Amino acid sequence: MDPQETTRLQEAWKAKGSPPCDHPNTVKERLNGMQTGDKVCTTCGKEFWAA
């Protein structure tokens, strides 16, 4: 998922009132086609940074 798509998900989730999310599905984040090592929830757009 690219950063622009992540932002769209986050904005849509905020418009819904930011309800709790269990983050049921995550995908790898990509920047310019390359994986960043981070993951993003496909439901709410929360980003999970790799340690």
N, C-alpha and C. Protein backbone atom coordinates (compact mmCIF):
# COMPACT_ATOMS: atom_id res chain seq x y z
N MET A 1 0.85 -1.16 0.00
CA MET A 1 0.00 0.00 0.00
C MET A 1 0.91 1.23 0.00
N ASP A 2 0.58 2.20 -0.83
CA ASP A 2 1.40 3.40 -0.89
C ASP A 2 0.91 4.44 0.12
N PRO A 3 1.74 5.42 0.46
CA PRO A 3 1.39 6.42 1.47
C PRO A 3 0.11 7.20 1.15
N GLN A 4 -0.16 7.47 -0.12
CA GLN A 4 -1.37 8.21 -0.48
C GLN A 4 -2.62 7.39 -0.14
N GLU A 5 -2.57 6.10 -0.41
CA GLU A 5 -3.70 5.24 -0.09
C GLU A 5 -3.89 5.14 1.43
N THR A 6 -2.78 5.09 2.16
CA THR A 6 -2.84 5.07 3.62
C THR A 6 -3.53 6.32 4.13
N THR A 7 -3.17 7.47 3.59
CA THR A 7 -3.78 8.73 4.00
C THR A 7 -5.28 8.73 3.71
N ARG A 8 -5.68 8.22 2.55
CA ARG A 8 -7.11 8.15 2.21
C ARG A 8 -7.87 7.27 3.21
N LEU A 9 -7.29 6.13 3.58
CA LEU A 9 -7.92 5.26 4.57
C LEU A 9 -8.06 5.96 5.91
N GLN A 10 -6.99 6.65 6.34
CA GLN A 10 -7.01 7.35 7.62
C GLN A 10 -8.08 8.44 7.63
N GLU A 11 -8.20 9.19 6.54
CA GLU A 11 -9.20 10.25 6.46
C GLU A 11 -10.61 9.68 6.47
N ALA A 12 -10.82 8.58 5.75
CA ALA A 12 -12.14 7.95 5.72
C ALA A 12 -12.51 7.41 7.10
N TRP A 13 -11.54 6.85 7.81
CA TRP A 13 -11.79 6.31 9.14
C TRP A 13 -12.11 7.44 10.11
N LYS A 14 -11.40 8.54 9.99
CA LYS A 14 -11.66 9.70 10.84
C LYS A 14 -13.07 10.24 10.58
N ALA A 15 -13.50 10.25 9.32
CA ALA A 15 -14.84 10.73 8.96
C ALA A 15 -15.93 9.84 9.56
N LYS A 16 -15.59 8.59 9.85
CA LYS A 16 -16.54 7.67 10.49
C LYS A 16 -16.55 7.83 12.01
N GLY A 17 -15.76 8.78 12.52
CA GLY A 17 -15.70 9.01 13.96
C GLY A 17 -14.59 8.27 14.66
N SER A 18 -13.67 7.70 13.92
CA SER A 18 -12.52 6.96 14.46
C SER A 18 -12.94 5.89 15.47
N PRO A 19 -13.84 4.98 15.08
CA PRO A 19 -14.22 3.90 16.00
C PRO A 19 -13.03 2.97 16.26
N PRO A 20 -13.10 2.17 17.32
CA PRO A 20 -12.02 1.22 17.57
C PRO A 20 -11.83 0.27 16.38
N CYS A 21 -10.60 -0.11 16.15
CA CYS A 21 -10.28 -1.05 15.07
C CYS A 21 -9.37 -2.13 15.62
N ASP A 22 -9.69 -3.38 15.32
CA ASP A 22 -8.86 -4.51 15.76
C ASP A 22 -7.71 -4.79 14.79
N HIS A 23 -7.62 -4.02 13.72
CA HIS A 23 -6.57 -4.17 12.70
C HIS A 23 -6.50 -5.61 12.20
N PRO A 24 -7.64 -6.10 11.65
CA PRO A 24 -7.71 -7.51 11.24
C PRO A 24 -6.79 -7.89 10.08
N ASN A 25 -6.46 -6.93 9.22
CA ASN A 25 -5.58 -7.21 8.09
C ASN A 25 -4.55 -6.10 7.95
N THR A 26 -3.31 -6.50 7.76
CA THR A 26 -2.26 -5.51 7.50
C THR A 26 -1.52 -5.92 6.23
N VAL A 27 -1.03 -4.92 5.54
CA VAL A 27 -0.24 -5.16 4.33
C VAL A 27 1.05 -4.37 4.44
N LYS A 28 2.02 -4.77 3.66
CA LYS A 28 3.30 -4.07 3.66
C LYS A 28 3.16 -2.72 2.96
N GLU A 29 3.78 -1.72 3.54
CA GLU A 29 3.78 -0.39 2.95
C GLU A 29 4.84 -0.33 1.85
N ARG A 30 4.51 0.39 0.80
CA ARG A 30 5.45 0.57 -0.32
C ARG A 30 5.62 2.05 -0.60
N LEU A 31 6.82 2.44 -0.88
CA LEU A 31 7.13 3.82 -1.26
C LEU A 31 7.91 3.75 -2.56
N ASN A 32 7.35 4.32 -3.61
CA ASN A 32 7.96 4.26 -4.94
C ASN A 32 8.21 2.82 -5.38
N GLY A 33 7.26 1.93 -5.03
CA GLY A 33 7.35 0.55 -5.45
C GLY A 33 8.23 -0.34 -4.59
N MET A 34 8.89 0.24 -3.59
CA MET A 34 9.78 -0.55 -2.74
C MET A 34 9.17 -0.68 -1.35
N GLN A 35 9.30 -1.87 -0.76
CA GLN A 35 8.78 -2.09 0.59
C GLN A 35 9.58 -1.28 1.60
N THR A 36 8.86 -0.68 2.56
CA THR A 36 9.53 0.12 3.59
C THR A 36 9.86 -0.71 4.82
N GLY A 37 9.24 -1.89 4.94
CA GLY A 37 9.41 -2.71 6.13
C GLY A 37 8.29 -2.47 7.14
N ASP A 38 7.49 -1.42 6.92
CA ASP A 38 6.38 -1.11 7.80
C ASP A 38 5.11 -1.78 7.28
N LYS A 39 4.09 -1.82 8.13
CA LYS A 39 2.80 -2.39 7.74
C LYS A 39 1.70 -1.38 7.99
N VAL A 40 0.57 -1.55 7.28
CA VAL A 40 -0.57 -0.65 7.38
C VAL A 40 -1.84 -1.48 7.50
N CYS A 41 -2.73 -1.07 8.41
CA CYS A 41 -4.02 -1.72 8.55
C CYS A 41 -4.88 -1.34 7.34
N THR A 42 -5.48 -2.34 6.69
CA THR A 42 -6.29 -2.08 5.51
C THR A 42 -7.69 -1.58 5.86
N THR A 43 -8.02 -1.58 7.14
CA THR A 43 -9.33 -1.11 7.59
C THR A 43 -9.30 0.36 7.96
N CYS A 44 -8.34 0.75 8.83
CA CYS A 44 -8.33 2.13 9.34
C CYS A 44 -7.11 2.94 8.89
N GLY A 45 -6.11 2.29 8.34
CA GLY A 45 -4.92 3.01 7.87
C GLY A 45 -3.84 3.21 8.91
N LYS A 46 -4.00 2.62 10.10
CA LYS A 46 -2.97 2.77 11.13
C LYS A 46 -1.67 2.16 10.62
N GLU A 47 -0.59 2.88 10.85
CA GLU A 47 0.72 2.41 10.42
C GLU A 47 1.45 1.75 11.58
N PHE A 48 2.09 0.63 11.30
CA PHE A 48 2.88 -0.09 12.29
C PHE A 48 4.32 -0.07 11.81
N TRP A 49 5.19 0.58 12.58
CA TRP A 49 6.58 0.72 12.18
C TRP A 49 7.38 -0.50 12.60
N ALA A 50 8.28 -0.90 11.73
CA ALA A 50 9.17 -2.02 12.02
C ALA A 50 10.21 -1.56 13.04
N ALA A 51 10.51 -2.44 13.96
CA ALA A 51 11.48 -2.10 15.00
C ALA A 51 12.88 -2.43 14.57
